Amino acid sequence: MAEQYADIIIDISHEKVDRVFQYRIPEALAGEVTVGAQVDIPFGQGNSLRKGYVVGLTGTLSYPAEKLKEISAVRKEAVSVQSQLIKLAWWMKEQYGSTMNQALKTVLPVKQKVAGRREKR
């Protein structure tokens, strides 16, 4: 099976990292990584784990193979982003001059915990 790669936007709102980074998809996560999924990835020289959003999947490399890192995990509790919302975020980034991370956070549905209802007697 050919190697798969994911194009990922890092969850950092700064112009210097407002671009797509490519990561190798490990075989163990091959079926779980989809466009719109939230993933944990090693980022930077210290390889600190950061949250990222998968915005594309490809079979071709855009960067040298020795520089690629692997996705660490897929966040199962997170709400995945639909492809229409990713396109909307790209449009917002272009039209309004925001970073892609800020645009994604604007279009992402907010997952909130709902407290159980308690009866008072």
PDB file of N, CA and C in Angstrom:
ATOM      1  N   MET A   1       0.850  -1.194   0.000  1.00  0.00           N
ATOM      2  CA  MET A   1       0.000   0.000   0.000  1.00  0.00           C
ATOM      3  C   MET A   1       0.885   1.243   0.000  1.00  0.00           C
ATOM      4  N   ALA A   2       0.547   2.209  -0.825  1.00  0.00           N
ATOM      5  CA  ALA A   2       1.331   3.444  -0.913  1.00  0.00           C
ATOM      6  C   ALA A   2       1.139   4.275   0.344  1.00  0.00           C
ATOM      7  N   GLU A   3       2.179   5.018   0.678  1.00  0.00           N
ATOM      8  CA  GLU A   3       2.078   5.863   1.876  1.00  0.00           C
ATOM      9  C   GLU A   3       1.101   6.996   1.628  1.00  0.00           C
ATOM     10  N   GLN A   4       0.402   7.377   2.699  1.00  0.00           N
ATOM     11  CA  GLN A   4      -0.533   8.480   2.644  1.00  0.00           C
ATOM     12  C   GLN A   4       0.005   9.631   3.486  1.00  0.00           C
ATOM     13  N   TYR A   5      -0.316  10.832   3.084  1.00  0.00           N
ATOM     14  CA  TYR A   5       0.123  12.023   3.780  1.00  0.00           C
ATOM     15  C   TYR A   5      -1.082  12.927   4.027  1.00  0.00           C
ATOM     16  N   ALA A   6      -1.025  13.643   5.138  1.00  0.00           N
ATOM     17  CA  ALA A   6      -2.109  14.551   5.497  1.00  0.00           C
ATOM     18  C   ALA A   6      -1.604  15.979   5.492  1.00  0.00           C
ATOM     19  N   ASP A   7      -2.388  16.874   4.909  1.00  0.00           N
ATOM     20  CA  ASP A   7      -2.109  18.306   4.967  1.00  0.00           C
ATOM     21  C   ASP A   7      -2.846  18.843   6.181  1.00  0.00           C
ATOM     22  N   ILE A   8      -2.100  19.488   7.080  1.00  0.00           N
ATOM     23  CA  ILE A   8      -2.643  19.866   8.381  1.00  0.00           C
ATOM     24  C   ILE A   8      -2.397  21.344   8.669  1.00  0.00           C
ATOM     25  N   ILE A   9      -3.430  21.996   9.228  1.00  0.00           N
ATOM     26  CA  ILE A   9      -3.304  23.354   9.755  1.00  0.00           C
ATOM     27  C   ILE A   9      -3.090  23.223  11.257  1.00  0.00           C
ATOM     28  N   ILE A  10      -2.029  23.838  11.767  1.00  0.00           N
ATOM     29  CA  ILE A  10      -1.697  23.773  13.193  1.00  0.00           C
ATOM     30  C   ILE A  10      -2.585  24.746  13.965  1.00  0.00           C
ATOM     31  N   ASP A  11      -2.958  24.379  15.167  1.00  0.00           N
ATOM     32  CA  ASP A  11      -3.817  25.210  16.016  1.00  0.00           C
ATOM     33  C   ASP A  11      -2.987  26.306  16.700  1.00  0.00           C
ATOM     34  N   ILE A  12      -2.398  27.174  15.876  1.00  0.00           N
ATOM     35  CA  ILE A  12      -1.643  28.333  16.356  1.00  0.00           C
ATOM     36  C   ILE A  12      -2.046  29.508  15.473  1.00  0.00           C
ATOM     37  N   SER A  13      -2.515  30.580  16.065  1.00  0.00           N
ATOM     38  CA  SER A  13      -2.937  31.752  15.289  1.00  0.00           C
ATOM     39  C   SER A  13      -1.783  32.746  15.186  1.00  0.00           C
ATOM     40  N   HIS A  14      -0.895  32.486  14.252  1.00  0.00           N
ATOM     41  CA  HIS A  14       0.243  33.374  14.009  1.00  0.00           C
ATOM     42  C   HIS A  14       0.570  33.318  12.520  1.00  0.00           C
ATOM     43  N   GLU A  15       0.905  34.457  11.930  1.00  0.00           N
ATOM     44  CA  GLU A  15       1.146  34.514  10.491  1.00  0.00           C
ATOM     45  C   GLU A  15       2.287  33.615  10.032  1.00  0.00           C
ATOM     46  N   LYS A  16       3.300  33.405  10.866  1.00  0.00           N
ATOM     47  CA  LYS A  16       4.454  32.613  10.443  1.00  0.00           C
ATOM     48  C   LYS A  16       4.137  31.124  10.298  1.00  0.00           C
ATOM     49  N   VAL A  17       3.105  30.652  10.968  1.00  0.00           N
ATOM     50  CA  VAL A  17       2.721  29.241  10.838  1.00  0.00           C
ATOM     51  C   VAL A  17       1.352  29.098  10.188  1.00  0.00           C
ATOM     52  N   ASP A  18       0.898  30.140   9.510  1.00  0.00           N
ATOM     53  CA  ASP A  18      -0.394  30.101   8.839  1.00  0.00           C
ATOM     54  C   ASP A  18      -0.238  29.504   7.446  1.00  0.00           C
ATOM     55  N   ARG A  19       0.059  28.226   7.425  1.00  0.00           N
ATOM     56  CA  ARG A  19       0.201  27.491   6.169  1.00  0.00           C
ATOM     57  C   ARG A  19      -0.047  26.018   6.449  1.00  0.00           C
ATOM     58  N   VAL A  20      -0.095  25.246   5.399  1.00  0.00           N
ATOM     59  CA  VAL A  20      -0.345  23.813   5.525  1.00  0.00           C
ATOM     60  C   VAL A  20       0.980  23.105   5.782  1.00  0.00           C
ATOM     61  N   PHE A  21       0.964  22.193   6.751  1.00  0.00           N
ATOM     62  CA  PHE A  21       2.114  21.337   7.033  1.00  0.00           C
ATOM     63  C   PHE A  21       1.732  19.910   6.663  1.00  0.00           C
ATOM     64  N   GLN A  22       2.693  19.170   6.127  1.00  0.00           N
ATOM     65  CA  GLN A  22       2.400  17.804   5.704  1.00  0.00           C
ATOM     66  C   GLN A  22       2.981  16.818   6.712  1.00  0.00           C
ATOM     67  N   TYR A  23       2.172  15.794   7.047  1.00  0.00           N
ATOM     68  CA  TYR A  23       2.566  14.756   7.994  1.00  0.00           C
ATOM     69  C   TYR A  23       2.272  13.386   7.394  1.00  0.00           C
ATOM     70  N   ARG A  24       3.093  12.421   7.753  1.00  0.00           N
ATOM     71  CA  ARG A  24       2.898  11.039   7.319  1.00  0.00           C
ATOM     72  C   ARG A  24       1.798  10.410   8.179  1.00  0.00           C
ATOM     73  N   ILE A  25       0.927   9.638   7.543  1.00  0.00           N
ATOM     74  CA  ILE A  25      -0.123   8.927   8.274  1.00  0.00           C
ATOM     75  C   ILE A  25       0.406   7.527   8.588  1.00  0.00           C
ATOM     76  N   PRO A  26       0.562   7.180   9.884  1.00  0.00           N
ATOM     77  CA  PRO A  26       1.034   5.838  10.216  1.00  0.00           C
ATOM     78  C   PRO A  26      -0.016   4.784   9.851  1.00  0.00           C
ATOM     79  N   GLU A  27       0.433   3.564   9.582  1.00  0.00           N
ATOM     80  CA  GLU A  27      -0.487   2.503   9.179  1.00  0.00           C
ATOM     81  C   GLU A  27      -1.573   2.261  10.218  1.00  0.00           C
ATOM     82  N   ALA A  28      -1.239   2.405  11.500  1.00  0.00           N
ATOM     83  CA  ALA A  28      -2.205   2.158  12.569  1.00  0.00           C
ATOM     84  C   ALA A  28      -3.371   3.147  12.535  1.00  0.00           C
ATOM     85  N   LEU A  29      -3.150   4.339  11.981  1.00  0.00           N
ATOM     86  CA  LEU A  29      -4.190   5.366  11.938  1.00  0.00           C
ATOM     87  C   LEU A  29      -4.773   5.571  10.540  1.00  0.00           C
ATOM     88  N   ALA A  30      -4.405   4.714   9.600  1.00  0.00           N
ATOM     89  CA  ALA A  30      -4.779   4.927   8.198  1.00  0.00           C
ATOM     90  C   ALA A  30      -6.285   5.071   7.993  1.00  0.00           C
ATOM     91  N   GLY A  31      -7.098   4.298   8.668  1.00  0.00           N
ATOM     92  CA  GLY A  31      -8.536   4.380   8.472  1.00  0.00           C
ATOM     93  C   GLY A  31      -9.204   5.493   9.254  1.00  0.00           C
ATOM     94  N   GLU A  32      -8.516   6.036  10.245  1.00  0.00           N
ATOM     95  CA  GLU A  32      -9.114   7.034  11.130  1.00  0.00           C
ATOM     96  C   GLU A  32      -8.886   8.478  10.673  1.00  0.00           C
ATOM     97  N   VAL A  33      -7.793   8.727   9.951  1.00  0.00           N
ATOM     98  CA  VAL A  33      -7.463  10.090   9.529  1.00  0.00           C
ATOM     99  C   VAL A  33      -8.282  10.439   8.289  1.00  0.00           C
ATOM    100  N   THR A  34      -9.172  11.408   8.442  1.00  0.00           N
ATOM    101  CA  THR A  34     -10.018  11.858   7.345  1.00  0.00           C
ATOM    102  C   THR A  34      -9.949  13.385   7.281  1.00  0.00           C
ATOM    103  N   VAL A  35     -10.373  13.948   6.164  1.00  0.00           N
ATOM    104  CA  VAL A  35     -10.423  15.402   6.043  1.00  0.00           C
ATOM    105  C   VAL A  35     -11.411  15.934   7.076  1.00  0.00           C
ATOM    106  N   GLY A  36     -10.968  16.900   7.856  1.00  0.00           N
ATOM    107  CA  GLY A  36     -11.804  17.483   8.896  1.00  0.00           C
ATOM    108  C   GLY A  36     -11.524  16.942  10.286  1.00  0.00           C
ATOM    109  N   ALA A  37     -10.738  15.869  10.396  1.00  0.00           N
ATOM    110  CA  ALA A  37     -10.447  15.288  11.704  1.00  0.00           C
ATOM    111  C   ALA A  37      -9.467  16.175  12.474  1.00  0.00           C
ATOM    112  N   GLN A  38      -9.601  16.169  13.797  1.00  0.00           N
ATOM    113  CA  GLN A  38      -8.625  16.841  14.652  1.00  0.00           C
ATOM    114  C   GLN A  38      -7.603  15.797  15.079  1.00  0.00           C
ATOM    115  N   VAL A  39      -6.327  16.159  14.987  1.00  0.00           N
ATOM    116  CA  VAL A  39      -5.250  15.220  15.290  1.00  0.00           C
ATOM    117  C   VAL A  39      -4.232  15.853  16.232  1.00  0.00           C
ATOM    118  N   ASP A  40      -3.476  15.003  16.910  1.00  0.00           N
ATOM    119  CA  ASP A  40      -2.326  15.450  17.701  1.00  0.00           C
ATOM    120  C   ASP A  40      -1.083  15.186  16.874  1.00  0.00           C
ATOM    121  N   ILE A  41      -0.228  16.205  16.771  1.00  0.00           N
ATOM    122  CA  ILE A  41       0.972  16.076  15.948  1.00  0.00           C
ATOM    123  C   ILE A  41       2.171  16.668  16.666  1.00  0.00           C
ATOM    124  N   PRO A  42       3.367  16.104  16.431  1.00  0.00           N
ATOM    125  CA  PRO A  42       4.575  16.730  16.972  1.00  0.00           C
ATOM    126  C   PRO A  42       4.901  17.960  16.138  1.00  0.00           C
ATOM    127  N   PHE A  43       5.189  19.073  16.814  1.00  0.00           N
ATOM    128  CA  PHE A  43       5.441  20.312  16.081  1.00  0.00           C
ATOM    129  C   PHE A  43       6.649  21.017  16.652  1.00  0.00           C
ATOM    130  N   GLY A  44       7.437  21.586  15.777  1.00  0.00           N
ATOM    131  CA  GLY A  44       8.605  22.355  16.190  1.00  0.00           C
ATOM    132  C   GLY A  44       9.802  21.472  16.482  1.00  0.00           C
ATOM    133  N   GLN A  45      10.883  22.124  16.900  1.00  0.00           N
ATOM    134  CA  GLN A  45      12.110  21.381  17.157  1.00  0.00           C
ATOM    135  C   GLN A  45      12.018  20.519  18.402  1.00  0.00           C
ATOM    136  N   GLY A  46      11.193  20.906  19.360  1.00  0.00           N
ATOM    137  CA  GLY A  46      11.024  20.118  20.571  1.00  0.00           C
ATOM    138  C   GLY A  46       9.990  19.020  20.419  1.00  0.00           C
ATOM    139  N   ASN A  47       9.354  18.946  19.248  1.00  0.00           N
ATOM    140  CA  ASN A  47       8.312  17.957  18.980  1.00  0.00           C
ATOM    141  C   ASN A  47       7.204  17.964  20.021  1.00  0.00           C
ATOM    142  N   SER A  48       6.837  19.150  20.501  1.00  0.00           N
ATOM    143  CA  SER A  48       5.734  19.230  21.461  1.00  0.00           C
ATOM    144  C   SER A  48       4.432  18.900  20.730  1.00  0.00           C
ATOM    145  N   LEU A  49       3.547  18.172  21.404  1.00  0.00           N
ATOM    146  CA  LEU A  49       2.289  17.781  20.780  1.00  0.00           C
ATOM    147  C   LEU A  49       1.349  18.977  20.685  1.00  0.00           C
ATOM    148  N   ARG A  50       0.841  19.199  19.500  1.00  0.00           N
ATOM    149  CA  ARG A  50      -0.094  20.289  19.238  1.00  0.00           C
ATOM    150  C   ARG A  50      -1.333  19.710  18.564  1.00  0.00           C
ATOM    151  N   LYS A  51      -2.422  20.453  18.642  1.00  0.00           N
ATOM    152  CA  LYS A  51      -3.641  20.062  17.948  1.00  0.00           C
ATOM    153  C   LYS A  51      -3.571  20.617  16.531  1.00  0.00           C
ATOM    154  N   GLY A  52      -4.103  19.858  15.589  1.00  0.00           N
ATOM    155  CA  GLY A  52      -4.157  20.304  14.210  1.00  0.00           C
ATOM    156  C   GLY A  52      -5.423  19.812  13.541  1.00  0.00           C
ATOM    157  N   TYR A  53      -5.739  20.397  12.381  1.00  0.00           N
ATOM    158  CA  TYR A  53      -6.923  20.041  11.623  1.00  0.00           C
ATOM    159  C   TYR A  53      -6.489  19.525  10.251  1.00  0.00           C
ATOM    160  N   VAL A  54      -6.965  18.356   9.875  1.00  0.00           N
ATOM    161  CA  VAL A  54      -6.641  17.780   8.572  1.00  0.00           C
ATOM    162  C   VAL A  54      -7.496  18.484   7.528  1.00  0.00           C
ATOM    163  N   VAL A  55      -6.825  19.130   6.554  1.00  0.00           N
ATOM    164  CA  VAL A  55      -7.547  19.849   5.501  1.00  0.00           C
ATOM    165  C   VAL A  55      -7.387  19.181   4.139  1.00  0.00           C
ATOM    166  N   GLY A  56      -6.581  18.120   4.083  1.00  0.00           N
ATOM    167  CA  GLY A  56      -6.411  17.412   2.821  1.00  0.00           C
ATOM    168  C   GLY A  56      -5.640  16.126   3.010  1.00  0.00           C
ATOM    169  N   LEU A  57      -5.872  15.170   2.118  1.00  0.00           N
ATOM    170  CA  LEU A  57      -5.134  13.908   2.102  1.00  0.00           C
ATOM    171  C   LEU A  57      -4.529  13.746   0.720  1.00  0.00           C
ATOM    172  N   THR A  58      -3.315  13.210   0.667  1.00  0.00           N
ATOM    173  CA  THR A  58      -2.640  13.056  -0.615  1.00  0.00           C
ATOM    174  C   THR A  58      -1.698  11.852  -0.568  1.00  0.00           C
ATOM    175  N   GLY A  59      -1.300  11.402  -1.731  1.00  0.00           N
ATOM    176  CA  GLY A  59      -0.334  10.320  -1.835  1.00  0.00           C
ATOM    177  C   GLY A  59       1.014  10.809  -2.318  1.00  0.00           C
ATOM    178  N   THR A  60       1.141  12.126  -2.570  1.00  0.00           N
ATOM    179  CA  THR A  60       2.400  12.681  -3.071  1.00  0.00           C
ATOM    180  C   THR A  60       3.026  13.608  -2.033  1.00  0.00           C
ATOM    181  N   LEU A  61       4.324  13.585  -1.996  1.00  0.00           N
ATOM    182  CA  LEU A  61       5.073  14.421  -1.052  1.00  0.00           C
ATOM    183  C   LEU A  61       5.207  15.849  -1.550  1.00  0.00           C
ATOM    184  N   SER A  62       5.093  16.791  -0.634  1.00  0.00           N
ATOM    185  CA  SER A  62       5.345  18.191  -0.949  1.00  0.00           C
ATOM    186  C   SER A  62       6.634  18.675  -0.302  1.00  0.00           C
ATOM    187  N   TYR A  63       7.167  17.881   0.617  1.00  0.00           N
ATOM    188  CA  TYR A  63       8.371  18.219   1.374  1.00  0.00           C
ATOM    189  C   TYR A  63       9.334  17.044   1.306  1.00  0.00           C
ATOM    190  N   PRO A  64      10.607  17.258   1.630  1.00  0.00           N
ATOM    191  CA  PRO A  64      11.542  16.127   1.657  1.00  0.00           C
ATOM    192  C   PRO A  64      11.106  15.066   2.677  1.00  0.00           C
ATOM    193  N   ALA A  65      11.218  13.793   2.297  1.00  0.00           N
ATOM    194  CA  ALA A  65      10.728  12.684   3.130  1.00  0.00           C
ATOM    195  C   ALA A  65      11.413  12.638   4.496  1.00  0.00           C
ATOM    196  N   GLU A  66      12.672  13.022   4.583  1.00  0.00           N
ATOM    197  CA  GLU A  66      13.387  12.958   5.867  1.00  0.00           C
ATOM    198  C   GLU A  66      12.920  14.025   6.855  1.00  0.00           C
ATOM    199  N   LYS A  67      12.226  15.051   6.382  1.00  0.00           N
ATOM    200  CA  LYS A  67      11.729  16.103   7.267  1.00  0.00           C
ATOM    201  C   LYS A  67      10.310  15.834   7.776  1.00  0.00           C
ATOM    202  N   LEU A  68       9.631  14.848   7.197  1.00  0.00           N
ATOM    203  CA  LEU A  68       8.246  14.573   7.591  1.00  0.00           C
ATOM    204  C   LEU A  68       8.182  13.881   8.942  1.00  0.00           C
ATOM    205  N   LYS A  69       7.181  14.242   9.721  1.00  0.00           N
ATOM    206  CA  LYS A  69       6.901  13.597  11.001  1.00  0.00           C
ATOM    207  C   LYS A  69       5.576  12.862  10.859  1.00  0.00           C
ATOM    208  N   GLU A  70       5.287  11.984  11.811  1.00  0.00           N
ATOM    209  CA  GLU A  70       4.048  11.211  11.766  1.00  0.00           C
ATOM    210  C   GLU A  70       2.992  11.796  12.686  1.00  0.00           C
ATOM    211  N   ILE A  71       1.749  11.619  12.318  1.00  0.00           N
ATOM    212  CA  ILE A  71       0.631  11.986  13.176  1.00  0.00           C
ATOM    213  C   ILE A  71       0.674  11.094  14.401  1.00  0.00           C
ATOM    214  N   SER A  72       0.519  11.675  15.590  1.00  0.00           N
ATOM    215  CA  SER A  72       0.563  10.907  16.827  1.00  0.00           C
ATOM    216  C   SER A  72      -0.753  10.215  17.140  1.00  0.00           C
ATOM    217  N   ALA A  73      -1.862  10.944  17.017  1.00  0.00           N
ATOM    218  CA  ALA A  73      -3.160  10.380  17.376  1.00  0.00           C
ATOM    219  C   ALA A  73      -4.281  11.173  16.725  1.00  0.00           C
ATOM    220  N   VAL A  74      -5.428  10.538  16.614  1.00  0.00           N
ATOM    221  CA  VAL A  74      -6.642  11.205  16.160  1.00  0.00           C
ATOM    222  C   VAL A  74      -7.479  11.471  17.397  1.00  0.00           C
ATOM    223  N   ARG A  75      -7.948  12.701  17.533  1.00  0.00           N
ATOM    224  CA  ARG A  75      -8.784  13.066  18.691  1.00  0.00           C
ATOM    225  C   ARG A  75     -10.195  12.537  18.472  1.00  0.00           C
ATOM    226  N   LYS A  76     -10.551  11.544  19.243  1.00  0.00           N
ATOM    227  CA  LYS A  76     -11.843  10.883  19.069  1.00  0.00           C
ATOM    228  C   LYS A  76     -12.999  11.698  19.643  1.00  0.00           C
ATOM    229  N   GLU A  77     -12.744  12.472  20.707  1.00  0.00           N
ATOM    230  CA  GLU A  77     -13.818  13.232  21.348  1.00  0.00           C
ATOM    231  C   GLU A  77     -14.138  14.517  20.595  1.00  0.00           C
ATOM    232  N   ALA A  78     -13.316  14.882  19.638  1.00  0.00           N
ATOM    233  CA  ALA A  78     -13.487  16.152  18.923  1.00  0.00           C
ATOM    234  C   ALA A  78     -14.526  16.012  17.813  1.00  0.00           C
ATOM    235  N   VAL A  79     -15.146  17.120  17.504  1.00  0.00           N
ATOM    236  CA  VAL A  79     -16.103  17.178  16.400  1.00  0.00           C
ATOM    237  C   VAL A  79     -15.316  17.352  15.113  1.00  0.00           C
ATOM    238  N   SER A  80     -15.576  16.513  14.111  1.00  0.00           N
ATOM    239  CA  SER A  80     -14.845  16.661  12.856  1.00  0.00           C
ATOM    240  C   SER A  80     -15.460  17.783  12.021  1.00  0.00           C
ATOM    241  N   VAL A  81     -14.647  18.371  11.177  1.00  0.00           N
ATOM    242  CA  VAL A  81     -15.070  19.501  10.355  1.00  0.00           C
ATOM    243  C   VAL A  81     -15.506  18.977   8.993  1.00  0.00           C
ATOM    244  N   GLN A  82     -16.629  19.432   8.500  1.00  0.00           N
ATOM    245  CA  GLN A  82     -17.083  19.032   7.180  1.00  0.00           C
ATOM    246  C   GLN A  82     -16.291  19.785   6.126  1.00  0.00           C
ATOM    247  N   SER A  83     -16.172  19.198   4.944  1.00  0.00           N
ATOM    248  CA  SER A  83     -15.369  19.811   3.881  1.00  0.00           C
ATOM    249  C   SER A  83     -15.911  21.184   3.475  1.00  0.00           C
ATOM    250  N   GLN A  84     -17.234  21.391   3.569  1.00  0.00           N
ATOM    251  CA  GLN A  84     -17.794  22.695   3.218  1.00  0.00           C
ATOM    252  C   GLN A  84     -17.306  23.762   4.200  1.00  0.00           C
ATOM    253  N   LEU A  85     -17.155  23.379   5.468  1.00  0.00           N
ATOM    254  CA  LEU A  85     -16.685  24.341   6.463  1.00  0.00           C
ATOM    255  C   LEU A  85     -15.212  24.683   6.242  1.00  0.00           C
ATOM    256  N   ILE A  86     -14.430  23.721   5.777  1.00  0.00           N
ATOM    257  CA  ILE A  86     -13.019  23.997   5.468  1.00  0.00           C
ATOM    258  C   ILE A  86     -12.932  24.981   4.301  1.00  0.00           C
ATOM    259  N   LYS A  87     -13.754  24.775   3.282  1.00  0.00           N
ATOM    260  CA  LYS A  87     -13.769  25.704   2.140  1.00  0.00           C
ATOM    261  C   LYS A  87     -14.204  27.098   2.587  1.00  0.00           C
ATOM    262  N   LEU A  88     -15.205  27.150   3.462  1.00  0.00           N
ATOM    263  CA  LEU A  88     -15.656  28.436   3.991  1.00  0.00           C
ATOM    264  C   LEU A  88     -14.526  29.121   4.768  1.00  0.00           C
ATOM    265  N   ALA A  89     -13.780  28.356   5.556  1.00  0.00           N
ATOM    266  CA  ALA A  89     -12.671  28.928   6.319  1.00  0.00           C
ATOM    267  C   ALA A  89     -11.591  29.476   5.386  1.00  0.00           C
ATOM    268  N   TRP A  90     -11.274  28.752   4.301  1.00  0.00           N
ATOM    269  CA  TRP A  90     -10.289  29.259   3.329  1.00  0.00           C
ATOM    270  C   TRP A  90     -10.778  30.570   2.717  1.00  0.00           C
ATOM    271  N   TRP A  91     -12.064  30.628   2.369  1.00  0.00           N
ATOM    272  CA  TRP A  91     -12.620  31.837   1.790  1.00  0.00           C
ATOM    273  C   TRP A  91     -12.528  32.996   2.778  1.00  0.00           C
ATOM    274  N   MET A  92     -12.881  32.750   4.047  1.00  0.00           N
ATOM    275  CA  MET A  92     -12.812  33.796   5.074  1.00  0.00           C
ATOM    276  C   MET A  92     -11.382  34.293   5.252  1.00  0.00           C
ATOM    277  N   LYS A  93     -10.431  33.374   5.227  1.00  0.00           N
ATOM    278  CA  LYS A  93      -9.016  33.741   5.360  1.00  0.00           C
ATOM    279  C   LYS A  93      -8.611  34.695   4.237  1.00  0.00           C
ATOM    280  N   GLU A  94      -9.006  34.353   3.007  1.00  0.00           N
ATOM    281  CA  GLU A  94      -8.650  35.177   1.857  1.00  0.00           C
ATOM    282  C   GLU A  94      -9.372  36.524   1.867  1.00  0.00           C
ATOM    283  N   GLN A  95     -10.653  36.531   2.171  1.00  0.00           N
ATOM    284  CA  GLN A  95     -11.461  37.746   2.103  1.00  0.00           C
ATOM    285  C   GLN A  95     -11.162  38.732   3.230  1.00  0.00           C
ATOM    286  N   TYR A  96     -10.942  38.202   4.431  1.00  0.00           N
ATOM    287  CA  TYR A  96     -10.837  39.073   5.598  1.00  0.00           C
ATOM    288  C   TYR A  96      -9.433  39.176   6.183  1.00  0.00           C
ATOM    289  N   GLY A  97      -8.477  38.460   5.601  1.00  0.00           N
ATOM    290  CA  GLY A  97      -7.096  38.592   6.040  1.00  0.00           C
ATOM    291  C   GLY A  97      -6.796  37.968   7.394  1.00  0.00           C
ATOM    292  N   SER A  98      -7.569  36.980   7.788  1.00  0.00           N
ATOM    293  CA  SER A  98      -7.296  36.314   9.067  1.00  0.00           C
ATOM    294  C   SER A  98      -6.337  35.153   8.831  1.00  0.00           C
ATOM    295  N   THR A  99      -5.955  34.502   9.898  1.00  0.00           N
ATOM    296  CA  THR A  99      -5.166  33.275   9.748  1.00  0.00           C
ATOM    297  C   THR A  99      -6.135  32.122   9.525  1.00  0.00           C
ATOM    298  N   MET A 100      -5.648  31.037   8.967  1.00  0.00           N
ATOM    299  CA  MET A 100      -6.509  29.882   8.714  1.00  0.00           C
ATOM    300  C   MET A 100      -7.019  29.301  10.028  1.00  0.00           C
ATOM    301  N   ASN A 101      -6.191  29.299  11.055  1.00  0.00           N
ATOM    302  CA  ASN A 101      -6.608  28.769  12.353  1.00  0.00           C
ATOM    303  C   ASN A 101      -7.772  29.576  12.920  1.00  0.00           C
ATOM    304  N   GLN A 102      -7.701  30.899  12.829  1.00  0.00           N
ATOM    305  CA  GLN A 102      -8.799  31.742  13.317  1.00  0.00           C
ATOM    306  C   GLN A 102     -10.078  31.498  12.525  1.00  0.00           C
ATOM    307  N   ALA A 103      -9.932  31.352  11.215  1.00  0.00           N
ATOM    308  CA  ALA A 103     -11.106  31.094  10.380  1.00  0.00           C
ATOM    309  C   ALA A 103     -11.723  29.732  10.708  1.00  0.00           C
ATOM    310  N   LEU A 104     -10.885  28.712  10.923  1.00  0.00           N
ATOM    311  CA  LEU A 104     -11.406  27.390  11.290  1.00  0.00           C
ATOM    312  C   LEU A 104     -12.146  27.433  12.614  1.00  0.00           C
ATOM    313  N   LYS A 105     -11.595  28.151  13.594  1.00  0.00           N
ATOM    314  CA  LYS A 105     -12.250  28.243  14.896  1.00  0.00           C
ATOM    315  C   LYS A 105     -13.583  28.977  14.792  1.00  0.00           C
ATOM    316  N   THR A 106     -13.715  29.861  13.823  1.00  0.00           N
ATOM    317  CA  THR A 106     -14.963  30.589  13.630  1.00  0.00           C
ATOM    318  C   THR A 106     -16.053  29.669  13.083  1.00  0.00           C
ATOM    319  N   VAL A 107     -15.704  28.764  12.186  1.00  0.00           N
ATOM    320  CA  VAL A 107     -16.709  27.914  11.549  1.00  0.00           C
ATOM    321  C   VAL A 107     -16.927  26.584  12.264  1.00  0.00           C
ATOM    322  N   LEU A 108     -16.045  26.235  13.198  1.00  0.00           N
ATOM    323  CA  LEU A 108     -16.195  24.954  13.899  1.00  0.00           C
ATOM    324  C   LEU A 108     -17.378  24.977  14.854  1.00  0.00           C
ATOM    325  N   PRO A 109     -18.143  23.901  14.882  1.00  0.00           N
ATOM    326  CA  PRO A 109     -19.204  23.836  15.892  1.00  0.00           C
ATOM    327  C   PRO A 109     -18.584  23.690  17.276  1.00  0.00           C
ATOM    328  N   VAL A 110     -19.198  24.314  18.263  1.00  0.00           N
ATOM    329  CA  VAL A 110     -18.685  24.263  19.623  1.00  0.00           C
ATOM    330  C   VAL A 110     -19.322  23.081  20.337  1.00  0.00           C
ATOM    331  N   LYS A 111     -18.477  22.238  20.891  1.00  0.00           N
ATOM    332  CA  LYS A 111     -18.975  21.085  21.632  1.00  0.00           C
ATOM    333  C   LYS A 111     -18.994  21.460  23.106  1.00  0.00           C
ATOM    334  N   GLN A 112     -20.179  21.442  23.700  1.00  0.00           N
ATOM    335  CA  GLN A 112     -20.306  21.819  25.094  1.00  0.00           C
ATOM    336  C   GLN A 112     -20.855  20.659  25.895  1.00  0.00           C
ATOM    337  N   LYS A 113     -20.404  20.569  27.139  1.00  0.00           N
ATOM    338  CA  LYS A 113     -20.941  19.564  28.041  1.00  0.00           C
ATOM    339  C   LYS A 113     -22.236  20.106  28.625  1.00  0.00           C
ATOM    340  N   VAL A 114     -23.228  19.268  28.662  1.00  0.00           N
ATOM    341  CA  VAL A 114     -24.518  19.659  29.208  1.00  0.00           C
ATOM    342  C   VAL A 114     -24.663  18.993  30.570  1.00  0.00           C
ATOM    343  N   ALA A 115     -24.893  19.798  31.574  1.00  0.00           N
ATOM    344  CA  ALA A 115     -25.062  19.255  32.921  1.00  0.00           C
ATOM    345  C   ALA A 115     -26.411  18.563  33.013  1.00  0.00           C
ATOM    346  N   GLY A 116     -26.431  17.455  33.721  1.00  0.00           N
ATOM    347  CA  GLY A 116     -27.669  16.727  33.909  1.00  0.00           C
ATOM    348  C   GLY A 116     -28.647  17.510  34.757  1.00  0.00           C
ATOM    349  N   ARG A 117     -29.915  17.332  34.510  1.00  0.00           N
ATOM    350  CA  ARG A 117     -30.950  18.039  35.244  1.00  0.00           C
ATOM    351  C   ARG A 117     -31.199  17.327  36.568  1.00  0.00           C
ATOM    352  N   ARG A 118     -31.213  18.073  37.635  1.00  0.00           N
ATOM    353  CA  ARG A 118     -31.441  17.487  38.959  1.00  0.00           C
ATOM    354  C   ARG A 118     -32.760  17.994  39.514  1.00  0.00           C
ATOM    355  N   GLU A 119     -33.501  17.079  40.078  1.00  0.00           N
ATOM    356  CA  GLU A 119     -34.768  17.464  40.702  1.00  0.00           C
ATOM    357  C   GLU A 119     -34.547  17.861  42.126  1.00  0.00           C
ATOM    358  N   LYS A 120     -35.217  18.911  42.551  1.00  0.00           N
ATOM    359  CA  LYS A 120     -35.154  19.341  43.949  1.00  0.00           C
ATOM    360  C   LYS A 120     -36.452  18.934  44.634  1.00  0.00           C
ATOM    361  N   ARG A 121     -36.329  18.412  45.834  1.00  0.00           N
ATOM    362  CA  ARG A 121     -37.532  18.016  46.578  1.00  0.00           C
ATOM    363  C   ARG A 121     -37.622  18.777  47.861  1.00  0.00           C
TER     364      ARG A 121
END
